């Protein structure tokens, strides 16, 4: 019989489990609205295609929402309630990394 906690950890791992996702989400800790170019500049080393794919994945998971701007060639991203609820995990990951790296 599977423990319910295992399913819960699995869902969080699927949401945060790749190399880039936690790094992308950490920019939402201090910024309510984030643009693609800001994220790309702050993360450094991420291929634009990879960044785009991660943002699409986060959007389809309901963690972020993509908003159009007045400039039709640009958009902004904000956290949904689901995304705001995951921020304590990101903050703890950041704290842990600071302590042990």
Protein backbone atom coordinates (compact mmCIF):
# COMPACT_ATOMS: atom_id res chain seq x y z
CA UNK A 1 0.00 0.00 0.00
CA UNK A 2 1.39 3.41 -1.01
CA UNK A 3 1.66 6.15 1.54
CA UNK A 4 -0.31 9.30 0.64
CA UNK A 5 2.82 11.35 1.37
CA UNK A 6 4.70 9.61 -1.43
CA UNK A 7 2.12 10.82 -3.94
CA UNK A 8 2.42 14.34 -2.56
CA UNK A 9 6.20 14.36 -2.83
CA UNK A 10 5.93 12.97 -6.34
CA UNK A 11 3.65 15.82 -7.45
CA UNK A 12 6.01 18.45 -6.02
CA UNK A 13 9.01 16.69 -7.57
CA UNK A 14 7.33 16.69 -10.95
CA UNK A 15 6.63 20.42 -10.65
CA UNK A 16 10.15 21.32 -9.50
CA UNK A 17 12.22 18.34 -10.61
CA UNK A 18 14.22 19.66 -13.54
CA UNK A 19 17.41 21.67 -13.45
CA UNK A 20 15.97 25.04 -14.35
CA UNK A 21 12.51 25.31 -12.80
CA UNK A 22 13.51 26.18 -9.20
CA UNK A 23 16.04 28.69 -10.55
CA UNK A 24 13.35 30.33 -12.66
CA UNK A 25 10.80 30.44 -9.88
CA UNK A 26 13.18 32.08 -7.43
CA UNK A 27 12.95 35.33 -9.39
CA UNK A 28 9.30 35.55 -8.39
CA UNK A 29 10.29 35.74 -4.70
CA UNK A 30 11.21 39.42 -5.06
CA UNK A 31 9.38 40.29 -8.27
CA UNK A 32 5.63 40.14 -8.75
CA UNK A 33 5.96 40.40 -12.53
CA UNK A 34 8.84 38.98 -14.55
CA UNK A 35 9.66 39.24 -18.26
CA UNK A 36 11.30 36.59 -20.42
CA UNK A 37 14.40 38.72 -21.05
CA UNK A 38 14.79 39.43 -17.31
CA UNK A 39 14.72 35.73 -16.48
CA UNK A 40 17.15 34.88 -19.27
CA UNK A 41 19.56 37.57 -18.10
CA UNK A 42 19.34 36.63 -14.41
CA UNK A 43 19.61 32.87 -14.85
CA UNK A 44 22.52 32.98 -17.27
CA UNK A 45 23.45 30.02 -19.38
CA UNK A 46 19.93 28.95 -20.22
CA UNK A 47 19.14 28.42 -23.87
CA UNK A 48 16.15 30.55 -24.97
CA UNK A 49 14.36 27.43 -26.25
CA UNK A 50 14.83 25.72 -22.88
CA UNK A 51 13.61 28.81 -21.05
CA UNK A 52 10.57 29.02 -23.29
CA UNK A 53 9.80 25.33 -22.78
CA UNK A 54 10.08 25.65 -18.98
CA UNK A 55 7.82 28.69 -18.94
CA UNK A 56 5.25 26.87 -21.08
CA UNK A 57 5.44 23.91 -18.71
CA UNK A 58 4.97 26.13 -15.66
CA UNK A 59 2.05 27.83 -17.36
CA UNK A 60 0.38 24.54 -18.32
CA UNK A 61 0.90 23.32 -14.74
CA UNK A 62 -0.95 26.37 -13.47
CA UNK A 63 2.06 27.76 -11.57
CA UNK A 64 2.52 30.93 -13.64
CA UNK A 65 0.29 32.95 -15.91
CA UNK A 66 1.44 34.64 -19.10
CA UNK A 67 0.12 38.16 -19.58
CA UNK A 68 0.32 40.27 -22.72
CA UNK A 69 1.74 43.80 -22.48
CA UNK A 70 1.00 46.93 -24.47
CA UNK A 71 3.93 45.96 -26.69
CA UNK A 72 2.53 43.01 -28.64
CA UNK A 73 5.94 41.37 -28.99
CA UNK A 74 6.46 41.12 -25.22
CA UNK A 75 4.72 39.40 -22.38
CA UNK A 76 5.04 39.18 -18.63
CA UNK A 77 4.68 36.30 -16.23
CA UNK A 78 3.07 36.30 -12.80
CA UNK A 79 2.55 33.60 -10.22
CA UNK A 80 -0.87 32.06 -9.82
CA UNK A 81 -2.14 31.08 -6.38
CA UNK A 82 -0.64 27.65 -7.00
CA UNK A 83 2.68 29.34 -7.76
CA UNK A 84 2.51 31.52 -4.66
CA UNK A 85 1.85 28.40 -2.61
CA UNK A 86 5.09 26.80 -3.87
CA UNK A 87 7.25 29.81 -2.93
CA UNK A 88 7.97 28.60 0.64
CA UNK A 89 9.57 25.50 -0.89
CA UNK A 90 11.71 27.65 -3.20
CA UNK A 91 12.72 29.87 -0.27
CA UNK A 92 13.73 26.80 1.76
CA UNK A 93 15.74 25.46 -1.17
CA UNK A 94 17.51 28.82 -1.38
CA UNK A 95 18.16 28.85 2.39
CA UNK A 96 19.46 25.27 2.31
CA UNK A 97 21.75 26.04 -0.64
CA UNK A 98 23.15 29.09 1.13
CA UNK A 99 23.83 27.06 4.26
CA UNK A 100 25.41 24.03 2.58
CA UNK A 101 27.15 25.27 -0.53
